[in-house]
Protein backbone atom coordinates (compact mmCIF):
# COMPACT_ATOMS: atom_id res chain seq x y z
CA MET A 1 142.12 44.48 106.13
CA TYR A 2 140.49 45.81 109.38
CA TYR A 3 138.48 48.88 110.04
CA THR A 4 137.64 51.27 112.92
CA THR A 5 134.66 53.04 113.79
CA GLU A 6 136.40 56.40 113.72
CA GLN A 7 139.82 57.82 112.48
CA SER A 8 142.57 57.91 114.96
CA PRO A 9 146.26 58.90 114.87
CA ASN A 10 146.90 55.69 116.55
CA THR A 11 144.95 53.17 115.35
CA GLN A 12 146.43 50.58 117.19
CA SER A 13 145.47 52.21 120.55
CA LYS A 14 143.86 50.26 122.78
CA GLY A 15 140.90 52.75 123.32
CA ASN A 16 140.34 52.31 119.42
CA PRO A 17 140.17 48.68 118.92
CA PRO A 18 139.24 47.50 115.28
CA ALA A 19 135.52 47.14 114.44
CA GLY A 20 136.06 44.32 111.85
CA ILE A 21 138.12 42.83 109.42
CA ILE A 22 137.40 42.11 105.89
CA SER A 23 138.94 38.98 104.62
CA LEU A 24 140.27 39.91 101.28
CA HIS A 25 141.56 36.48 100.62
CA PHE A 26 137.77 35.03 99.84
CA ALA A 27 137.02 38.20 97.98
CA THR A 28 135.55 37.14 94.42
CA SER A 29 135.95 40.93 92.80
CA ILE A 30 137.63 43.95 93.72
CA GLN A 31 136.17 47.20 91.55
CA PRO A 32 135.74 50.73 91.26
CA PHE A 33 132.07 52.07 91.71
CA GLY A 34 130.74 55.38 91.13
CA LYS A 35 133.06 58.22 91.28
CA LYS A 36 135.24 57.54 94.69
CA SER A 37 133.93 54.05 95.63
CA ILE A 38 135.20 50.65 95.73
CA LYS A 39 133.12 47.38 95.66
CA ILE A 40 134.83 44.31 97.45
CA CYS A 41 132.46 41.60 96.80
CA PHE A 42 132.10 38.00 98.62
CA PRO A 43 129.61 35.23 98.10
CA GLU A 44 127.37 36.42 100.97
CA ALA A 45 128.26 39.99 100.98
CA THR A 46 129.44 42.99 99.65
CA TYR A 47 131.48 45.81 101.14
CA GLU A 48 131.40 49.50 99.61
CA LEU A 49 134.36 51.86 100.55
CA GLU A 50 134.85 55.29 99.76
CA ALA A 51 138.20 57.11 98.87
CA PRO A 52 138.65 60.85 99.86
CA GLU A 53 139.55 61.48 96.26
CA ILE A 54 139.64 59.42 92.71
CA SER A 55 143.47 59.24 92.57
CA ASN A 56 142.96 57.72 96.16
CA ARG A 57 140.69 54.99 95.06
CA SER A 58 143.17 54.13 92.28
CA LYS A 59 145.95 53.69 95.10
CA TRP A 60 143.67 51.52 97.40
CA ILE A 61 142.45 48.98 94.45
CA LYS A 62 146.22 48.52 93.60
CA GLY A 63 146.97 48.03 97.05
CA ILE A 64 144.09 45.51 97.90
CA LEU A 65 144.90 43.77 94.78
CA ASP A 66 148.57 43.35 95.59
CA LEU A 67 147.78 42.11 98.90
CA LYS A 68 145.11 39.64 97.80
CA THR A 69 147.75 38.16 95.07
CA THR A 70 150.11 37.85 98.18
CA TYR A 71 147.65 36.20 99.88
CA ALA A 72 147.21 33.66 97.16
CA LYS A 73 151.14 33.01 96.66
CA LEU A 74 151.22 32.24 100.61
CA GLN A 75 148.50 30.16 100.39
CA LYS A 76 150.20 27.83 97.53
CA HIS A 77 153.49 27.66 98.80
CA THR A 78 152.29 26.74 102.35
CA GLY A 79 149.35 24.44 101.29
CA ALA A 80 147.10 25.72 103.81
CA SER A 81 143.46 26.26 102.73
CA SER A 82 143.86 29.94 103.71
CA PRO A 83 146.79 32.11 104.92
CA PHE A 84 146.04 32.43 108.39
CA GLY A 85 145.38 28.41 108.77
CA ILE A 86 141.52 29.27 108.70
CA ASN A 87 139.44 27.37 106.10
CA GLN A 88 136.84 29.18 104.03
CA THR A 89 133.87 27.73 105.92
CA ASP A 90 135.15 28.84 109.45
CA MET A 91 135.77 32.49 108.07
CA ARG A 92 131.94 32.88 108.66
CA LYS A 93 130.11 30.78 111.48
CA GLU A 94 126.61 31.02 112.66
CA GLY A 95 124.40 28.99 114.90
CA ALA A 96 122.27 28.54 118.00
CA LEU A 97 124.07 28.72 121.48
CA GLU A 98 122.40 29.64 124.89
CA LEU A 99 123.67 32.57 127.25
CA HIS A 100 123.66 32.33 130.71
CA SER A 101 121.75 35.07 132.28
CA GLY A 102 119.93 35.57 135.68
CA ASN A 103 120.66 31.67 136.54
CA LYS A 104 118.66 30.84 133.38
CA TRP A 105 120.11 29.56 130.11
CA LYS A 106 118.22 31.73 127.19
CA PRO A 107 118.33 30.75 123.75
CA ARG A 108 120.57 32.97 121.41
CA TYR A 109 121.73 33.22 117.52
CA LEU A 110 125.45 33.89 116.86
CA VAL A 111 127.03 35.10 113.66
CA LEU A 112 130.89 35.15 113.77
CA VAL A 113 132.41 37.03 110.66
CA ASP A 114 134.82 39.78 110.00
CA GLY A 115 136.53 39.86 113.55
CA MET A 116 132.99 40.54 115.17
CA LEU A 117 130.86 38.24 117.05
CA LEU A 118 127.23 39.33 116.35
CA ILE A 119 124.22 38.19 118.99
CA PHE A 120 120.71 38.12 118.42
CA SER A 121 118.10 36.65 120.36
CA ALA A 122 116.83 34.65 117.55
CA LYS A 123 117.56 34.10 113.85
CA GLY A 124 116.51 36.66 111.79
CA ALA A 125 115.74 38.92 114.71
CA LEU A 126 117.65 42.54 115.42
CA ARG A 127 120.92 42.22 117.06
CA ASN A 128 121.56 42.47 120.46
CA HIS A 129 125.22 42.56 120.21
CA ARG A 130 128.25 43.38 118.39
CA ILE A 131 131.66 42.31 119.91
CA PRO A 132 134.88 42.69 118.34
CA LEU A 133 137.13 39.83 119.09
CA TYR A 134 140.39 42.09 119.34
CA ASP A 135 141.51 41.65 122.87
CA LEU A 136 138.73 39.57 123.86
CA GLU A 137 139.30 36.79 126.49
CA LEU A 138 138.07 33.49 126.20
CA ASP A 139 137.87 30.80 128.50
CA SER A 140 136.24 27.21 128.64
CA VAL A 141 134.03 26.22 131.69
CA GLN A 142 134.42 23.09 133.99
CA PRO A 143 130.61 22.13 133.67
CA THR A 144 128.85 21.43 137.03
CA ASP A 145 126.59 19.03 135.84
CA ASN A 146 126.05 17.08 132.39
CA SER A 147 123.31 19.54 131.21
CA ARG A 148 125.46 22.16 129.54
CA PHE A 149 128.95 22.60 128.44
CA SER A 150 130.23 26.34 127.91
CA PHE A 151 133.03 29.08 127.30
CA LYS A 152 133.13 32.31 128.88
CA ILE A 153 134.01 35.69 126.79
CA ARG A 154 135.25 38.92 128.58
CA LEU A 155 135.33 42.08 127.01
CA ARG A 156 136.14 45.46 127.95
CA VAL A 157 133.34 48.22 128.09
CA GLY A 158 135.11 51.48 128.96
CA GLU A 159 136.94 51.23 132.02
CA GLU A 160 135.24 48.17 132.87
CA SER A 161 135.11 44.49 131.91
CA LYS A 162 131.81 42.33 130.94
CA GLU A 163 131.50 38.65 130.97
CA MET A 164 129.00 36.47 129.01
CA GLU A 165 128.54 32.70 129.21
CA PHE A 166 127.48 30.70 126.09
CA GLY A 167 126.61 27.14 126.43
CA ASN A 168 125.06 23.80 124.58
CA THR A 169 124.28 20.37 125.49
CA SER A 170 126.57 19.03 123.08
CA GLN A 171 130.46 19.56 124.15
CA SER A 172 131.56 19.25 120.28
CA VAL A 173 129.29 22.18 119.57
CA VAL A 174 130.95 24.11 122.24
CA ASP A 175 134.31 23.18 121.51
CA ASN A 176 133.97 24.30 117.82
CA TRP A 177 132.77 27.58 118.76
CA ALA A 178 135.55 27.91 120.93
CA GLU A 179 138.17 26.99 118.76
CA ILE A 180 136.86 29.02 115.77
CA LEU A 181 136.39 32.01 118.03
CA ARG A 182 140.26 31.84 119.23
CA LYS A 183 141.37 31.59 115.56
CA HIS A 184 139.71 34.81 114.47
CA LYS A 185 140.73 36.63 117.46
CA LEU A 186 144.44 35.40 116.98
CA LEU A 187 144.25 36.48 113.25
CA ILE A 188 142.93 40.01 114.11
CA GLU A 189 145.37 40.45 116.79
CA ASP A 190 148.31 39.11 115.12
CA PHE A 191 147.77 41.14 111.97
CA ILE A 192 146.91 44.51 113.82
CA ASN A 193 149.92 44.05 116.37
CA ASN A 194 152.45 43.46 113.94
CA PHE A 195 150.61 46.21 111.46
CA THR A 196 153.25 48.93 110.94
CA PHE A 197 152.34 52.55 109.47
């Protein structure tokens, strides 16, 4: 299930990309809360959603539970660890990488969750960037020396594009980040691009 920052008659519009995705497959409980709200609980986080009316909440809960049941059937049929080919540990990833900025490598702490890449100056620090993976471009970078392996991401900021390069001294660390980023990107793009209203 994905969400946007504002309501739009054309949710699939390039001008209104999704702000994130809630991976219902791994939800531990989905239940009513308060007068019109819904709680979707995960081991590491809880989402609270509010419906316009109490009657709408019942429909939302039923739809979410039906979708979760469909996911479980698909998982059993395919034998995959998740219906998207992403295992539970990869649905959330975090760790230290370095950001190439001003001809220098600066330490950063990255968290990948719910279709978003969150970037912090350090673990526990205030967030610097919040990047939706929808329509993100990602490329591996050929190392110019043996000191860093890296990948680049390109994203649109209004009518312009912004590029960020992340690296590490370990090629396996960089390759793992790039692979999981691609999986999450394909997951959210495939879901949204094939969504019908």
